[in-house]
Protein backbone atom coordinates (compact mmCIF):
# COMPACT_ATOMS: atom_id res chain seq x y z
CA UNK A 1 1.82 17.20 -19.61
CA UNK A 2 3.03 15.77 -22.91
CA UNK A 3 4.24 12.22 -23.31
CA UNK A 4 7.91 11.84 -22.37
CA UNK A 5 8.64 8.93 -24.71
CA UNK A 6 7.73 7.79 -28.23
CA UNK A 7 6.48 4.53 -29.71
CA UNK A 8 10.04 3.95 -30.97
CA UNK A 9 11.36 4.11 -27.39
CA UNK A 10 8.77 1.60 -26.16
CA UNK A 11 9.12 -0.80 -29.09
CA UNK A 12 12.91 -0.80 -28.61
CA UNK A 13 12.51 -2.60 -25.27
CA UNK A 14 9.75 -4.95 -26.47
CA UNK A 15 11.44 -7.59 -28.58
CA UNK A 16 9.22 -8.51 -31.51
CA UNK A 17 6.40 -6.11 -30.68
CA UNK A 18 4.20 -5.81 -33.77
CA UNK A 19 1.60 -3.55 -32.19
CA UNK A 20 0.72 -0.60 -34.43
CA UNK A 21 2.58 2.62 -33.66
CA UNK A 22 -0.68 4.53 -33.09
CA UNK A 23 -1.81 1.89 -30.58
CA UNK A 24 1.52 2.05 -28.74
CA UNK A 25 1.11 5.83 -28.54
CA UNK A 26 -2.30 5.36 -26.88
CA UNK A 27 -0.68 3.21 -24.19
CA UNK A 28 2.13 5.75 -23.77
CA UNK A 29 -0.47 8.45 -23.12
CA UNK A 30 -2.12 6.25 -20.47
CA UNK A 31 1.26 5.60 -18.84
CA UNK A 32 2.11 9.31 -18.96
CA UNK A 33 -1.17 10.34 -17.30
CA UNK A 34 -0.65 7.73 -14.59
CA UNK A 35 2.97 8.77 -13.93
CA UNK A 36 1.87 12.42 -13.80
CA UNK A 37 -0.80 11.58 -11.21
CA UNK A 38 1.41 9.39 -9.01
CA UNK A 39 4.30 11.87 -9.00
CA UNK A 40 2.22 15.09 -8.98
CA UNK A 41 3.56 16.21 -5.59
CA UNK A 42 7.04 14.72 -5.93
CA UNK A 43 9.89 17.18 -6.41
CA UNK A 44 12.79 14.76 -6.09
CA UNK A 45 12.35 12.37 -9.04
CA UNK A 46 14.16 13.57 -12.17
CA UNK A 47 12.37 14.00 -15.48
CA UNK A 48 14.78 11.44 -16.96
CA UNK A 49 13.68 8.83 -14.42
CA UNK A 50 10.01 9.71 -14.97
CA UNK A 51 10.55 9.15 -18.71
CA UNK A 52 12.14 5.76 -18.05
CA UNK A 53 9.24 4.71 -15.83
CA UNK A 54 6.77 5.95 -18.45
CA UNK A 55 8.49 3.84 -21.12
CA UNK A 56 8.48 0.67 -19.03
CA UNK A 57 4.93 1.29 -17.79
CA UNK A 58 3.67 1.69 -21.36
CA UNK A 59 5.38 -1.60 -22.26
CA UNK A 60 3.74 -3.22 -19.22
CA UNK A 61 0.30 -2.00 -20.30
CA UNK A 62 0.85 -3.33 -23.81
CA UNK A 63 2.18 -6.67 -22.54
CA UNK A 64 -0.83 -6.99 -20.26
CA UNK A 65 -3.33 -6.50 -23.07
CA UNK A 66 -2.58 -6.52 -26.79
CA UNK A 67 0.91 -8.07 -26.92
CA UNK A 68 0.91 -10.78 -24.30
CA UNK A 69 4.01 -12.98 -24.37
CA UNK A 70 3.99 -16.72 -23.96
CA UNK A 71 6.02 -18.86 -21.61
CA UNK A 72 4.95 -22.15 -23.15
CA UNK A 73 3.69 -23.23 -26.56
CA UNK A 74 2.75 -26.58 -28.10
CA UNK A 75 1.90 -27.52 -31.64
CA UNK A 76 0.14 -30.90 -31.39
CA UNK A 77 -3.34 -30.33 -29.92
CA UNK A 78 -2.44 -26.63 -29.80
CA UNK A 79 -1.67 -25.19 -26.39
CA UNK A 80 -0.47 -21.81 -25.24
CA UNK A 81 0.48 -20.42 -21.82
CA UNK A 82 0.88 -16.70 -21.26
CA UNK A 83 3.43 -15.14 -18.95
CA UNK A 84 2.33 -13.06 -16.01
CA UNK A 85 -0.55 -13.50 -13.64
CA UNK A 86 -3.65 -11.34 -13.39
CA UNK A 87 -4.03 -9.54 -10.10
CA UNK A 88 -0.29 -9.12 -9.58
CA UNK A 89 -0.32 -5.56 -10.94
CA UNK A 90 3.15 -4.34 -11.95
CA UNK A 91 4.71 -7.61 -10.83
CA UNK A 92 2.85 -9.49 -13.60
CA UNK A 93 5.26 -8.56 -16.41
CA UNK A 94 9.01 -8.00 -16.67
CA UNK A 95 8.25 -4.45 -17.81
CA UNK A 96 6.19 -3.71 -14.72
CA UNK A 97 8.89 -5.22 -12.53
CA UNK A 98 11.34 -2.77 -14.12
CA UNK A 99 9.02 0.13 -13.22
CA UNK A 100 9.12 -1.03 -9.59
CA UNK A 101 12.91 -1.31 -9.72
CA UNK A 102 13.35 2.16 -11.22
CA UNK A 103 11.00 3.83 -8.74
CA UNK A 104 13.23 4.74 -5.82
CA UNK A 105 10.32 6.43 -4.01
CA UNK A 106 8.09 3.35 -3.80
CA UNK A 107 5.13 5.40 -5.00
CA UNK A 108 4.43 3.13 -7.99
CA UNK A 109 4.25 0.06 -5.75
CA UNK A 110 1.74 1.88 -3.54
CA UNK A 111 -0.32 3.41 -6.36
CA UNK A 112 -3.95 2.39 -6.11
CA UNK A 113 -3.71 1.06 -2.58
CA UNK A 114 -6.20 2.33 -0.08
CA UNK A 115 -4.96 4.12 3.01
CA UNK A 116 -6.19 2.85 6.34
CA UNK A 117 -6.64 4.81 9.54
CA UNK A 118 -7.07 3.56 13.07
CA UNK A 119 -8.59 5.71 15.78
CA UNK A 120 -8.55 4.86 19.48
CA UNK A 121 -11.76 5.17 21.42
CA UNK A 122 -11.14 6.40 24.95
CA UNK A 123 -13.96 4.49 26.60
CA UNK A 124 -17.26 2.82 25.97
CA UNK A 125 -20.41 3.49 27.98
């Protein structure tokens, strides 16, 4: 499926994003493929909502890699502290948190998690 959003859409929600348009488009394609996979069997989520999640997911991917924002900066003896925390998945950026908020199905929160099964054994010999 084709991308639902453009680099203009993504950059509009990322204040000060200077990432090249072609690079943003690469992240949009990744977000689009992921959204397509997660919602492949879903018939209830509107295309408008899928586009919104794609936009915010692309911003999350960018903010997690090439356009990381800072929460703290110093000038003397230079210091820098990035926002987010690795290993927190979509919760690590405000953009990812918006994806989780927009997803009324909960499928994005569960994406990538392994399913577990438990089987009862009737008896042991």
